[in-house]
Each structure stands twice: as C-alpha cells, then as structure tokens.
Amino acid sequence: MGMAVSILLCTRDRAPDLRATLQSLATISVPKGIEAEVIVIDNGSSDATQEIVKDSQFDWATPHWILEPNAGQSNARNRGLAEAKGEVLCFVDDDLRFRSDWLAALLEPFELGADAVAGCISLAPHLQKPWMTPKHETMFASTRPAEARGEVGLTGANMAFSRAVLDKVPGFDPNIGPGRLGFCDDVLFSDQILQAGVKMLRASASIVEHHFRPDRLERKNLLKAAYAQGRSLAYIAYHWGHDEVVSSVWSKLRAKLGYRRRQANGSAPSELGAEPFELNYHVSNGYWNQLAEEMKCPRRYEKRGLRPILRP
C-alpha cells in the first residue's frame, strides 16, 4: 500500500493536553509505503502550543505548526485541508492516546473501496463513571453507542477521507463546531458526504482513547454542553434540512413543567452527572431557541445541499 497521508490536529489553548497527545502520536507505527505528515493547526492559542509543536520529536515525521487566527474549529479544519498534501486526510483531536496500529487500521478500509472512514473512540478508563448512559458517552465523543446500533458516521476525533471527497463537499461549515455554536461540524460534514453518495466504512480496529478534561463531567458543564448541542442541531435542521417547525409557547411551558416535575421527584442533583431527561430538555431548549434565531436569516444551503449558497 503506497499512499501520502496527512494527519491534521486542531487545537486552541490546550498545551498540556496537546503535549501528551503528540507524545502518544509519535509512538504509532507507520505502515510501509505510507508517507505521513502531521499538521497542527493552532486556532489562536495564547499558551505554549507553538513551542510544544516545534519541540516535538517524531521518528517518522516532523510536525508542522500552522496558525489559523479566525476563531472556530471549522476554520481550523478548513485551513488544515488547504495546507495538507496527502491523498488521505485524517483528523484527530488534541486530547487522545493512540495504539501503535491506529493508522494502519484507519487506512485499511480504503483498500476495500472506502472514500471515508469512521474510526472508533473509547473513553479513558479513569473518566468512565457508573452513571453514564449511552447518551452521556456520545456527548463525550465515544462511538460505542453508534457501533452498538450499527451506525456509521464520522466523528472528528478519529476520521479520515480521501481528497476526492472535497470535490463534492468542499469543507466544514464555519458557523458550527467549537468556537462557534459548539458542536456538530463533523455531523454536518458526515451527513453531506453521505448525501453525496460517498462510500463510508467503519474501521473497528482503529481506536483512540479520549482523555477529555475531568471538569466536563460536572453537572453544570454537561447541561451547558447539551444546550450548545441543541443550538448546533437547530442550525443544521434549518439551513440544511429546511426545518421550520417552531415550538409554541405552550409546548415549551409544558416541557418546562414536566422537567421541573421530574426534578422534584428525583434525588437532589449531584455536582457530577446529569440525568438523560435533563440533557434532553436542555438540548431541546437550545434547539428551539436557536431555530427561532436562524429563521430570521436566509438559508445557507439548498435542501440537503453539498455546498453553501453563494450570495451576492
């Protein structure tokens, strides 16, 4: 197998996490015939990110540092796509640990005719909690629930696609994702390339371990993330799916009363964790609030379109 591969990592003000991730990435085995490059796209960090990248030592590549000053992970991802030289473009996050065979396993489905490959993501053992449900796992980017359902979709922490995919879907929407509405930049991109007829396969043996920051487990941060997820889904639903179903004041009130009632009947909320019904409520609340805002704007895509509408 001969192939040029670009490994793209977007980051912002996460220097300690980035250092550990790059140390782990340096230990992977690059298959024979693979020419790999590593590009770290710095989305305007004010910490030691640049120094950490330049001090990183790989036997098989020299990591490149690139600054993308326009805030938003999607802007950083798109800058990475513009700078990359590989035929295959792999995205990873800045808080991961890699198995030695990670890259070989991620590339294997391309030999079976795939144009896009969904890798797998597990949660670091010390971050797994007894109260976690599949909904919680998904919020922390675990692919285990999707795998159990037999679903295949791209998750930004471990995904790859051929450069030819960009001829159909040119990049990531800069209005969503971290640094903007918060989530779903990978979700929309994945949905678009599936809409384009791209063959996507799951690389079950390509597993990265997610070492997210422990404060994400706190109740207040879980609820905040759920609300942001709802806002991001509303953007996709309106601009890409052309959804205009707005929740009435009365339905919102009923939902809020039901939420309060379930809270009152349950145990006192812990500082760690949130019940699935609470997450669902905050997702829906973020969704309806953001949908009302998006409906004030012209749509950015034709229904299920692959490229943004160009306006004068």
C-alpha atoms as a PDB file:
ATOM      1  CA  MET A   1       0.000   0.000   0.000  1.00  0.00           C
ATOM      2  CA  GLY A   2       1.552   3.286  -1.137  1.00  0.00           C
ATOM      3  CA  MET A   3      -0.141   6.473  -0.057  1.00  0.00           C
ATOM      4  CA  ALA A   4       0.512  10.037   1.120  1.00  0.00           C
ATOM      5  CA  VAL A   5      -1.384  10.723   4.340  1.00  0.00           C
ATOM      6  CA  SER A   6      -1.948  13.972   6.235  1.00  0.00           C
ATOM      7  CA  ILE A   7      -2.750  13.788   9.958  1.00  0.00           C
ATOM      8  CA  LEU A   8      -4.478  17.033  10.950  1.00  0.00           C
ATOM      9  CA  LEU A   9      -4.900  18.178  14.543  1.00  0.00           C
ATOM     10  CA  CYS A  10      -6.737  21.383  15.503  1.00  0.00           C
ATOM     11  CA  THR A  11      -6.109  22.960  18.898  1.00  0.00           C
ATOM     12  CA  ARG A  12      -6.512  26.114  20.953  1.00  0.00           C
ATOM     13  CA  ASP A  13      -5.043  26.834  24.404  1.00  0.00           C
ATOM     14  CA  ARG A  14      -4.702  23.163  25.341  1.00  0.00           C
ATOM     15  CA  ALA A  15      -0.924  22.950  25.690  1.00  0.00           C
ATOM     16  CA  PRO A  16      -0.676  20.214  28.386  1.00  0.00           C
ATOM     17  CA  ASP A  17      -3.231  18.013  26.594  1.00  0.00           C
ATOM     18  CA  LEU A  18      -1.537  18.643  23.251  1.00  0.00           C
ATOM     19  CA  ARG A  19       1.878  17.670  24.611  1.00  0.00           C
ATOM     20  CA  ALA A  20       0.594  14.297  25.851  1.00  0.00           C
ATOM     21  CA  THR A  21      -1.284  13.703  22.593  1.00  0.00           C
ATOM     22  CA  LEU A  22       1.741  14.394  20.429  1.00  0.00           C
ATOM     23  CA  GLN A  23       3.902  12.168  22.632  1.00  0.00           C
ATOM     24  CA  SER A  24       1.416   9.366  22.086  1.00  0.00           C
ATOM     25  CA  LEU A  25       1.085  10.029  18.346  1.00  0.00           C
ATOM     26  CA  ALA A  26       4.868   9.811  17.998  1.00  0.00           C
ATOM     27  CA  THR A  27       4.755   6.146  19.073  1.00  0.00           C
ATOM     28  CA  ILE A  28       2.444   4.869  16.318  1.00  0.00           C
ATOM     29  CA  SER A  29       3.728   2.538  13.620  1.00  0.00           C
ATOM     30  CA  VAL A  30       3.515   3.986  10.119  1.00  0.00           C
ATOM     31  CA  PRO A  31       2.841   1.204   7.597  1.00  0.00           C
ATOM     32  CA  LYS A  32       5.408   0.506   4.915  1.00  0.00           C
ATOM     33  CA  GLY A  33       4.819   2.623   1.836  1.00  0.00           C
ATOM     34  CA  ILE A  34       2.936   5.333   3.717  1.00  0.00           C
ATOM     35  CA  GLU A  35       4.337   8.853   3.584  1.00  0.00           C
ATOM     36  CA  ALA A  36       2.779  10.643   6.549  1.00  0.00           C
ATOM     37  CA  GLU A  37       2.801  14.272   7.587  1.00  0.00           C
ATOM     38  CA  VAL A  38       1.475  15.832  10.807  1.00  0.00           C
ATOM     39  CA  ILE A  39      -0.008  19.327  10.775  1.00  0.00           C
ATOM     40  CA  VAL A  40      -1.100  21.061  13.975  1.00  0.00           C
ATOM     41  CA  ILE A  41      -3.468  23.928  13.267  1.00  0.00           C
ATOM     42  CA  ASP A  42      -3.324  26.449  16.109  1.00  0.00           C
ATOM     43  CA  ASN A  43      -6.613  28.336  16.300  1.00  0.00           C
ATOM     44  CA  GLY A  44      -5.176  31.384  18.073  1.00  0.00           C
ATOM     45  CA  SER A  45      -3.641  29.962  21.244  1.00  0.00           C
ATOM     46  CA  SER A  46      -2.138  32.231  23.886  1.00  0.00           C
ATOM     47  CA  ASP A  47      -0.221  29.443  25.657  1.00  0.00           C
ATOM     48  CA  ALA A  48       2.846  27.352  24.745  1.00  0.00           C
ATOM     49  CA  THR A  49       1.167  25.496  21.865  1.00  0.00           C
ATOM     50  CA  GLN A  50       3.620  26.662  19.208  1.00  0.00           C
ATOM     51  CA  GLU A  51       6.662  25.756  21.322  1.00  0.00           C
ATOM     52  CA  ILE A  52       5.283  22.308  22.112  1.00  0.00           C
ATOM     53  CA  VAL A  53       4.728  21.531  18.440  1.00  0.00           C
ATOM     54  CA  LYS A  54       8.174  22.741  17.432  1.00  0.00           C
ATOM     55  CA  ASP A  55       9.819  20.768  20.240  1.00  0.00           C
ATOM     56  CA  SER A  56       8.005  17.511  19.377  1.00  0.00           C
ATOM     57  CA  GLN A  57      10.214  14.732  18.027  1.00  0.00           C
ATOM     58  CA  PHE A  58       8.830  12.053  15.716  1.00  0.00           C
ATOM     59  CA  ASP A  59      10.944   9.347  14.060  1.00  0.00           C
ATOM     60  CA  TRP A  60       8.648   9.277  11.048  1.00  0.00           C
ATOM     61  CA  ALA A  61       7.654  12.937  10.527  1.00  0.00           C
ATOM     62  CA  THR A  62       8.324  16.489  11.646  1.00  0.00           C
ATOM     63  CA  PRO A  63       5.125  18.058  12.988  1.00  0.00           C
ATOM     64  CA  HIS A  64       4.264  21.356  11.329  1.00  0.00           C
ATOM     65  CA  TRP A  65       2.685  24.257  13.227  1.00  0.00           C
ATOM     66  CA  ILE A  66       0.240  26.493  11.352  1.00  0.00           C
ATOM     67  CA  LEU A  67      -1.665  29.452  12.768  1.00  0.00           C
ATOM     68  CA  GLU A  68      -5.314  29.953  11.843  1.00  0.00           C
ATOM     69  CA  PRO A  69      -6.390  33.181  13.577  1.00  0.00           C
ATOM     70  CA  ASN A  70     -10.064  33.047  12.596  1.00  0.00           C
ATOM     71  CA  ALA A  71     -11.815  31.570  15.622  1.00  0.00           C
ATOM     72  CA  GLY A  72     -13.721  28.313  15.281  1.00  0.00           C
ATOM     73  CA  GLN A  73     -12.707  24.695  14.865  1.00  0.00           C
ATOM     74  CA  SER A  74     -14.240  24.554  11.392  1.00  0.00           C
ATOM     75  CA  ASN A  75     -11.984  27.409  10.261  1.00  0.00           C
ATOM     76  CA  ALA A  76      -9.013  25.481  11.641  1.00  0.00           C
ATOM     77  CA  ARG A  77     -10.141  22.271   9.942  1.00  0.00           C
ATOM     78  CA  ASN A  78     -10.545  24.066   6.611  1.00  0.00           C
ATOM     79  CA  ARG A  79      -7.099  25.627   6.952  1.00  0.00           C
ATOM     80  CA  GLY A  80      -5.702  22.160   7.535  1.00  0.00           C
ATOM     81  CA  LEU A  81      -7.392  20.900   4.384  1.00  0.00           C
ATOM     82  CA  ALA A  82      -5.846  23.761   2.418  1.00  0.00           C
ATOM     83  CA  GLU A  83      -2.345  23.080   3.762  1.00  0.00           C
ATOM     84  CA  ALA A  84      -2.371  19.273   3.621  1.00  0.00           C
ATOM     85  CA  LYS A  85      -0.523  17.427   0.877  1.00  0.00           C
ATOM     86  CA  GLY A  86      -1.904  13.933   1.448  1.00  0.00           C
ATOM     87  CA  GLU A  87      -4.225  11.852  -0.706  1.00  0.00           C
ATOM     88  CA  VAL A  88      -5.905  10.770   2.527  1.00  0.00           C
ATOM     89  CA  LEU A  89      -6.813  13.331   5.180  1.00  0.00           C
ATOM     90  CA  CYS A  90      -7.049  12.141   8.787  1.00  0.00           C
ATOM     91  CA  PHE A  91      -8.407  14.254  11.639  1.00  0.00           C
ATOM     92  CA  VAL A  92      -7.633  13.703  15.309  1.00  0.00           C
ATOM     93  CA  ASP A  93      -8.193  15.753  18.472  1.00  0.00           C
ATOM     94  CA  ASP A  94      -5.720  17.235  20.951  1.00  0.00           C
ATOM     95  CA  ASP A  95      -6.679  15.011  23.925  1.00  0.00           C
ATOM     96  CA  LEU A  96      -6.158  11.467  22.627  1.00  0.00           C
ATOM     97  CA  ARG A  97      -3.980   8.419  23.176  1.00  0.00           C
ATOM     98  CA  PHE A  98      -3.113   6.168  20.226  1.00  0.00           C
ATOM     99  CA  ARG A  99      -2.476   2.465  19.780  1.00  0.00           C
ATOM    100  CA  SER A 100       0.571   1.573  17.743  1.00  0.00           C
ATOM    101  CA  ASP A 101      -1.594   0.178  14.911  1.00  0.00           C
ATOM    102  CA  TRP A 102      -4.035   3.112  14.878  1.00  0.00           C
ATOM    103  CA  LEU A 103      -3.039   4.479  11.466  1.00  0.00           C
ATOM    104  CA  ALA A 104      -2.764   1.093   9.730  1.00  0.00           C
ATOM    105  CA  ALA A 105      -6.244   0.165  10.947  1.00  0.00           C
ATOM    106  CA  LEU A 106      -7.706   3.528   9.906  1.00  0.00           C
ATOM    107  CA  LEU A 107      -6.309   3.207   6.374  1.00  0.00           C
ATOM    108  CA  GLU A 108      -7.312  -0.413   5.796  1.00  0.00           C
ATOM    109  CA  PRO A 109     -10.902   0.320   4.631  1.00  0.00           C
ATOM    110  CA  PHE A 110      -9.542   2.471   1.793  1.00  0.00           C
ATOM    111  CA  GLU A 111      -8.230  -0.755   0.259  1.00  0.00           C
ATOM    112  CA  LEU A 112     -11.831  -2.012   0.294  1.00  0.00           C
ATOM    113  CA  GLY A 113     -13.031   0.951  -1.759  1.00  0.00           C
ATOM    114  CA  ALA A 114     -13.993   3.363   1.016  1.00  0.00           C
ATOM    115  CA  ASP A 115     -13.769   7.097   0.383  1.00  0.00           C
ATOM    116  CA  ALA A 116     -14.414   7.968   4.032  1.00  0.00           C
ATOM    117  CA  VAL A 117     -13.573   6.043   7.191  1.00  0.00           C
ATOM    118  CA  ALA A 118     -15.059   6.361  10.663  1.00  0.00           C
ATOM    119  CA  GLY A 119     -12.588   5.389  13.357  1.00  0.00           C
ATOM    120  CA  CYS A 120     -13.583   4.392  16.884  1.00  0.00           C
ATOM    121  CA  ILE A 121     -13.260   6.380  20.105  1.00  0.00           C
ATOM    122  CA  SER A 122     -13.284   4.972  23.632  1.00  0.00           C
ATOM    123  CA  LEU A 123     -13.331   6.899  26.886  1.00  0.00           C
ATOM    124  CA  ALA A 124     -10.255   6.772  29.104  1.00  0.00           C
ATOM    125  CA  PRO A 125     -10.966   4.298  31.944  1.00  0.00           C
ATOM    126  CA  HIS A 126     -10.486   6.898  34.691  1.00  0.00           C
ATOM    127  CA  LEU A 127     -13.171   9.082  33.080  1.00  0.00           C
ATOM    128  CA  GLN A 128     -15.819   6.376  32.819  1.00  0.00           C
ATOM    129  CA  LYS A 129     -18.477   6.747  35.522  1.00  0.00           C
ATOM    130  CA  PRO A 130     -21.205   4.376  36.786  1.00  0.00           C
ATOM    131  CA  TRP A 131     -23.921   6.934  35.997  1.00  0.00           C
ATOM    132  CA  MET A 132     -23.025   7.177  32.318  1.00  0.00           C
ATOM    133  CA  THR A 133     -25.666   6.159  29.792  1.00  0.00           C
ATOM    134  CA  PRO A 134     -25.165   5.853  26.018  1.00  0.00           C
ATOM    135  CA  LYS A 135     -26.314   9.479  25.742  1.00  0.00           C
ATOM    136  CA  HIS A 136     -23.538  10.607  28.095  1.00  0.00           C
ATOM    137  CA  GLU A 137     -20.969   8.518  26.228  1.00  0.00           C
ATOM    138  CA  THR A 138     -21.961  10.095  22.929  1.00  0.00           C
ATOM    139  CA  MET A 139     -21.614  13.590  24.412  1.00  0.00           C
ATOM    140  CA  PHE A 140     -18.013  12.725  25.267  1.00  0.00           C
ATOM    141  CA  ALA A 141     -17.428  11.540  21.666  1.00  0.00           C
ATOM    142  CA  SER A 142     -17.492   7.814  22.414  1.00  0.00           C
ATOM    143  CA  THR A 143     -18.504   5.842  19.327  1.00  0.00           C
ATOM    144  CA  ARG A 144     -19.536   2.765  21.339  1.00  0.00           C
ATOM    145  CA  PRO A 145     -23.295   3.575  21.270  1.00  0.00           C
ATOM    146  CA  ALA A 146     -23.244   4.161  17.499  1.00  0.00           C
ATOM    147  CA  GLU A 147     -21.267   0.973  16.936  1.00  0.00           C
ATOM    148  CA  ALA A 148     -23.784  -0.991  19.026  1.00  0.00           C
ATOM    149  CA  ARG A 149     -26.595   0.365  16.811  1.00  0.00           C
ATOM    150  CA  GLY A 150     -24.668  -0.460  13.635  1.00  0.00           C
ATOM    151  CA  GLU A 151     -24.468   3.209  12.628  1.00  0.00           C
ATOM    152  CA  VAL A 152     -21.547   4.620  10.653  1.00  0.00           C
ATOM    153  CA  GLY A 153     -20.842   8.353  10.761  1.00  0.00           C
ATOM    154  CA  LEU A 154     -17.748  10.490  11.065  1.00  0.00           C
ATOM    155  CA  THR A 155     -16.649  11.750  14.476  1.00  0.00           C
ATOM    156  CA  GLY A 156     -13.983  14.434  14.329  1.00  0.00           C
ATOM    157  CA  ALA A 157     -11.607  12.890  16.871  1.00  0.00           C
ATOM    158  CA  ASN A 158     -10.859   9.912  14.614  1.00  0.00           C
ATOM    159  CA  MET A 159     -11.880  10.119  10.982  1.00  0.00           C
ATOM    160  CA  ALA A 160     -10.356  10.035   7.521  1.00  0.00           C
ATOM    161  CA  PHE A 161     -11.434  10.671   3.961  1.00  0.00           C
ATOM    162  CA  SER A 162      -9.878  10.851   0.526  1.00  0.00           C
ATOM    163  CA  ARG A 163      -9.078  14.197  -1.022  1.00  0.00           C
ATOM    164  CA  ALA A 164     -11.560  13.380  -3.792  1.00  0.00           C
ATOM    165  CA  VAL A 165     -14.376  13.847  -1.261  1.00  0.00           C
ATOM    166  CA  LEU A 166     -13.624  17.585  -1.266  1.00  0.00           C
ATOM    167  CA  ASP A 167     -14.675  17.778  -4.905  1.00  0.00           C
ATOM    168  CA  LYS A 168     -18.215  17.071  -3.675  1.00  0.00           C
ATOM    169  CA  VAL A 169     -18.234  18.678  -0.219  1.00  0.00           C
ATOM    170  CA  PRO A 170     -15.571  21.395  -0.040  1.00  0.00           C
ATOM    171  CA  GLY A 171     -15.140  21.636   3.727  1.00  0.00           C
ATOM    172  CA  PHE A 172     -16.605  22.265   7.155  1.00  0.00           C
ATOM    173  CA  ASP A 173     -19.273  24.860   7.900  1.00  0.00           C
ATOM    174  CA  PRO A 174     -17.614  27.670   9.930  1.00  0.00           C
ATOM    175  CA  ASN A 175     -20.853  28.577  11.725  1.00  0.00           C
ATOM    176  CA  ILE A 176     -20.912  25.441  13.882  1.00  0.00           C
ATOM    177  CA  GLY A 177     -18.465  23.466  15.993  1.00  0.00           C
ATOM    178  CA  PRO A 178     -16.300  24.540  18.944  1.00  0.00           C
ATOM    179  CA  GLY A 179     -15.627  28.250  18.929  1.00  0.00           C
ATOM    180  CA  ARG A 180     -18.995  28.970  17.302  1.00  0.00           C
ATOM    181  CA  LEU A 181     -22.275  27.234  18.187  1.00  0.00           C
ATOM    182  CA  GLY A 182     -20.304  24.492  19.898  1.00  0.00           C
ATOM    183  CA  PHE A 183     -20.930  21.144  18.199  1.00  0.00           C
ATOM    184  CA  CYS A 184     -21.756  19.192  15.046  1.00  0.00           C
ATOM    185  CA  ASP A 185     -19.241  20.462  12.486  1.00  0.00           C
ATOM    186  CA  ASP A 186     -18.323  16.811  11.904  1.00  0.00           C
ATOM    187  CA  VAL A 187     -22.003  15.750  11.927  1.00  0.00           C
ATOM    188  CA  LEU A 188     -22.964  18.080   9.080  1.00  0.00           C
ATOM    189  CA  PHE A 189     -19.879  17.193   7.037  1.00  0.00           C
ATOM    190  CA  SER A 190     -20.588  13.480   7.534  1.00  0.00           C
ATOM    191  CA  ASP A 191     -24.236  13.883   6.531  1.00  0.00           C
ATOM    192  CA  GLN A 192     -23.265  15.863   3.452  1.00  0.00           C
ATOM    193  CA  ILE A 193     -20.763  13.349   2.138  1.00  0.00           C
ATOM    194  CA  LEU A 194     -23.230  10.522   2.717  1.00  0.00           C
ATOM    195  CA  GLN A 195     -25.791  12.593   0.788  1.00  0.00           C
ATOM    196  CA  ALA A 196     -23.200  12.851  -1.991  1.00  0.00           C
ATOM    197  CA  GLY A 197     -23.056   9.053  -2.228  1.00  0.00           C
ATOM    198  CA  VAL A 198     -19.604   8.644  -0.738  1.00  0.00           C
ATOM    199  CA  LYS A 199     -18.805   5.125   0.447  1.00  0.00           C
ATOM    200  CA  MET A 200     -18.151   5.272   4.197  1.00  0.00           C
ATOM    201  CA  LEU A 201     -16.916   2.324   6.267  1.00  0.00           C
ATOM    202  CA  ARG A 202     -16.202   1.790   9.946  1.00  0.00           C
ATOM    203  CA  ALA A 203     -12.613   0.953  10.946  1.00  0.00           C
ATOM    204  CA  SER A 204     -13.445  -1.080  14.049  1.00  0.00           C
ATOM    205  CA  ALA A 205      -9.808  -1.775  14.862  1.00  0.00           C
ATOM    206  CA  SER A 206      -8.744   1.875  14.684  1.00  0.00           C
ATOM    207  CA  ILE A 207      -9.333   3.019  18.261  1.00  0.00           C
ATOM    208  CA  VAL A 208      -8.227   6.163  20.042  1.00  0.00           C
ATOM    209  CA  GLU A 209      -8.722   6.803  23.743  1.00  0.00           C
ATOM    210  CA  HIS A 210     -10.339  10.106  24.696  1.00  0.00           C
ATOM    211  CA  HIS A 211      -8.707  11.869  27.667  1.00  0.00           C
ATOM    212  CA  PHE A 212     -11.038  14.843  27.947  1.00  0.00           C
ATOM    213  CA  ARG A 213     -10.733  17.249  30.856  1.00  0.00           C
ATOM    214  CA  PRO A 214     -12.476  15.966  34.013  1.00  0.00           C
ATOM    215  CA  ASP A 215     -14.447  19.174  34.527  1.00  0.00           C
ATOM    216  CA  ARG A 216     -16.590  18.193  31.537  1.00  0.00           C
ATOM    217  CA  LEU A 217     -18.157  15.600  33.839  1.00  0.00           C
ATOM    218  CA  GLU A 218     -19.565  18.282  36.106  1.00  0.00           C
ATOM    219  CA  ARG A 219     -23.289  18.743  36.017  1.00  0.00           C
ATOM    220  CA  LYS A 220     -23.203  22.420  35.068  1.00  0.00           C
ATOM    221  CA  ASN A 221     -20.884  21.717  32.145  1.00  0.00           C
ATOM    222  CA  LEU A 222     -22.946  18.766  30.936  1.00  0.00           C
ATOM    223  CA  LEU A 223     -26.091  20.896  30.851  1.00  0.00           C
ATOM    224  CA  LYS A 224     -24.239  23.711  29.121  1.00  0.00           C
ATOM    225  CA  ALA A 225     -22.933  21.276  26.508  1.00  0.00           C
ATOM    226  CA  ALA A 226     -26.429  19.850  25.966  1.00  0.00           C
ATOM    227  CA  TYR A 227     -27.802  23.335  25.302  1.00  0.00           C
ATOM    228  CA  ALA A 228     -24.994  24.067  22.832  1.00  0.00           C
ATOM    229  CA  GLN A 229     -25.628  20.750  21.112  1.00  0.00           C
ATOM    230  CA  GLY A 230     -29.268  21.717  20.645  1.00  0.00           C
ATOM    231  CA  ARG A 231     -28.271  25.064  19.136  1.00  0.00           C
ATOM    232  CA  SER A 232     -25.947  23.341  16.676  1.00  0.00           C
ATOM    233  CA  LEU A 233     -28.595  20.805  15.665  1.00  0.00           C
ATOM    234  CA  ALA A 234     -31.059  23.644  15.059  1.00  0.00           C
ATOM    235  CA  TYR A 235     -28.611  25.315  12.680  1.00  0.00           C
ATOM    236  CA  ILE A 236     -28.311  22.098  10.665  1.00  0.00           C
ATOM    237  CA  ALA A 237     -32.052  21.431  10.755  1.00  0.00           C
ATOM    238  CA  TYR A 238     -32.938  24.881   9.430  1.00  0.00           C
ATOM    239  CA  HIS A 239     -30.154  25.620   6.959  1.00  0.00           C
ATOM    240  CA  TRP A 240     -29.544  22.103   5.652  1.00  0.00           C
ATOM    241  CA  GLY A 241     -32.711  20.147   6.440  1.00  0.00           C
ATOM    242  CA  HIS A 242     -35.047  23.136   5.870  1.00  0.00           C
ATOM    243  CA  ASP A 243     -36.952  22.558   9.118  1.00  0.00           C
ATOM    244  CA  GLU A 244     -39.337  25.352  10.131  1.00  0.00           C
ATOM    245  CA  VAL A 245     -41.337  23.643  12.883  1.00  0.00           C
ATOM    246  CA  VAL A 246     -41.212  26.124  15.751  1.00  0.00           C
ATOM    247  CA  SER A 247     -42.251  25.036  19.239  1.00  0.00           C
ATOM    248  CA  SER A 248     -45.187  27.016  20.615  1.00  0.00           C
ATOM    249  CA  VAL A 249     -45.048  28.896  23.903  1.00  0.00           C
ATOM    250  CA  TRP A 250     -47.468  26.367  25.394  1.00  0.00           C
ATOM    251  CA  SER A 251     -45.428  23.331  24.334  1.00  0.00           C
ATOM    252  CA  LYS A 252     -42.315  24.941  25.787  1.00  0.00           C
ATOM    253  CA  LEU A 253     -44.163  25.607  29.032  1.00  0.00           C
ATOM    254  CA  ARG A 254     -45.412  22.021  29.215  1.00  0.00           C
ATOM    255  CA  ALA A 255     -41.880  20.747  28.608  1.00  0.00           C
ATOM    256  CA  LYS A 256     -40.522  23.001  31.343  1.00  0.00           C
ATOM    257  CA  LEU A 257     -43.201  21.923  33.816  1.00  0.00           C
ATOM    258  CA  GLY A 258     -42.521  18.270  33.020  1.00  0.00           C
ATOM    259  CA  TYR A 259     -38.820  18.864  33.519  1.00  0.00           C
ATOM    260  CA  ARG A 260     -39.385  20.553  36.877  1.00  0.00           C
ATOM    261  CA  ARG A 261     -41.736  17.781  37.982  1.00  0.00           C
ATOM    262  CA  ARG A 262     -39.195  15.066  37.186  1.00  0.00           C
ATOM    263  CA  GLN A 263     -36.529  17.032  39.004  1.00  0.00           C
ATOM    264  CA  ALA A 264     -38.754  17.316  42.080  1.00  0.00           C
ATOM    265  CA  ASN A 265     -39.492  13.586  42.068  1.00  0.00           C
ATOM    266  CA  GLY A 266     -35.858  12.615  41.772  1.00  0.00           C
ATOM    267  CA  SER A 267     -32.896  12.835  44.085  1.00  0.00           C
ATOM    268  CA  ALA A 268     -31.003  16.051  44.644  1.00  0.00           C
ATOM    269  CA  PRO A 269     -28.741  16.734  41.658  1.00  0.00           C
ATOM    270  CA  SER A 270     -25.088  15.872  42.117  1.00  0.00           C
ATOM    271  CA  GLU A 271     -22.233  18.109  41.109  1.00  0.00           C
ATOM    272  CA  LEU A 272     -21.214  15.258  38.830  1.00  0.00           C
ATOM    273  CA  GLY A 273     -23.535  13.925  36.177  1.00  0.00           C
ATOM    274  CA  ALA A 274     -26.958  14.836  34.857  1.00  0.00           C
ATOM    275  CA  GLU A 275     -29.953  12.643  34.137  1.00  0.00           C
ATOM    276  CA  PRO A 276     -30.704  11.860  30.470  1.00  0.00           C
ATOM    277  CA  PHE A 277     -34.082  13.635  30.747  1.00  0.00           C
ATOM    278  CA  GLU A 278     -32.238  16.780  31.886  1.00  0.00           C
ATOM    279  CA  LEU A 279     -29.859  16.572  28.940  1.00  0.00           C
ATOM    280  CA  ASN A 280     -32.779  16.059  26.569  1.00  0.00           C
ATOM    281  CA  TYR A 281     -34.568  19.100  27.978  1.00  0.00           C
ATOM    282  CA  HIS A 282     -31.531  21.346  27.568  1.00  0.00           C
ATOM    283  CA  VAL A 283     -30.892  20.031  24.053  1.00  0.00           C
ATOM    284  CA  SER A 284     -34.492  20.780  23.057  1.00  0.00           C
ATOM    285  CA  ASN A 285     -34.416  24.186  24.745  1.00  0.00           C
ATOM    286  CA  GLY A 286     -31.252  25.139  22.871  1.00  0.00           C
ATOM    287  CA  TYR A 287     -32.764  23.777  19.672  1.00  0.00           C
ATOM    288  CA  TRP A 288     -35.981  25.803  19.763  1.00  0.00           C
ATOM    289  CA  ASN A 289     -34.264  28.993  20.871  1.00  0.00           C
ATOM    290  CA  GLN A 290     -31.657  28.779  18.131  1.00  0.00           C
ATOM    291  CA  LEU A 291     -34.146  27.738  15.467  1.00  0.00           C
ATOM    292  CA  ALA A 292     -36.111  30.922  16.138  1.00  0.00           C
ATOM    293  CA  GLU A 293     -32.910  32.917  15.591  1.00  0.00           C
ATOM    294  CA  GLU A 294     -31.882  31.054  12.434  1.00  0.00           C
ATOM    295  CA  MET A 295     -35.314  31.591  10.877  1.00  0.00           C
ATOM    296  CA  LYS A 296     -34.525  35.306  10.743  1.00  0.00           C
ATOM    297  CA  CYS A 297     -31.716  34.526   8.269  1.00  0.00           C
ATOM    298  CA  PRO A 298     -31.741  33.316   4.661  1.00  0.00           C
ATOM    299  CA  ARG A 299     -30.863  29.639   4.342  1.00  0.00           C
ATOM    300  CA  ARG A 300     -27.228  28.866   3.692  1.00  0.00           C
ATOM    301  CA  TYR A 301     -27.848  25.648   1.707  1.00  0.00           C
ATOM    302  CA  GLU A 302     -30.309  24.279  -0.761  1.00  0.00           C
ATOM    303  CA  LYS A 303     -32.218  21.470   0.924  1.00  0.00           C
ATOM    304  CA  ARG A 304     -29.573  18.851   1.791  1.00  0.00           C
ATOM    305  CA  GLY A 305     -27.109  20.712  -0.393  1.00  0.00           C
ATOM    306  CA  LEU A 306     -23.421  19.901  -0.559  1.00  0.00           C
ATOM    307  CA  ARG A 307     -22.108  23.446  -0.905  1.00  0.00           C
ATOM    308  CA  PRO A 308     -23.147  26.741   0.683  1.00  0.00           C
ATOM    309  CA  ILE A 309     -25.315  29.034  -1.404  1.00  0.00           C
ATOM    310  CA  LEU A 310     -23.216  31.829  -2.865  1.00  0.00           C
ATOM    311  CA  ARG A 311     -24.950  35.156  -2.401  1.00  0.00           C
ATOM    312  CA  PRO A 312     -24.009  38.496  -3.997  1.00  0.00           C
END
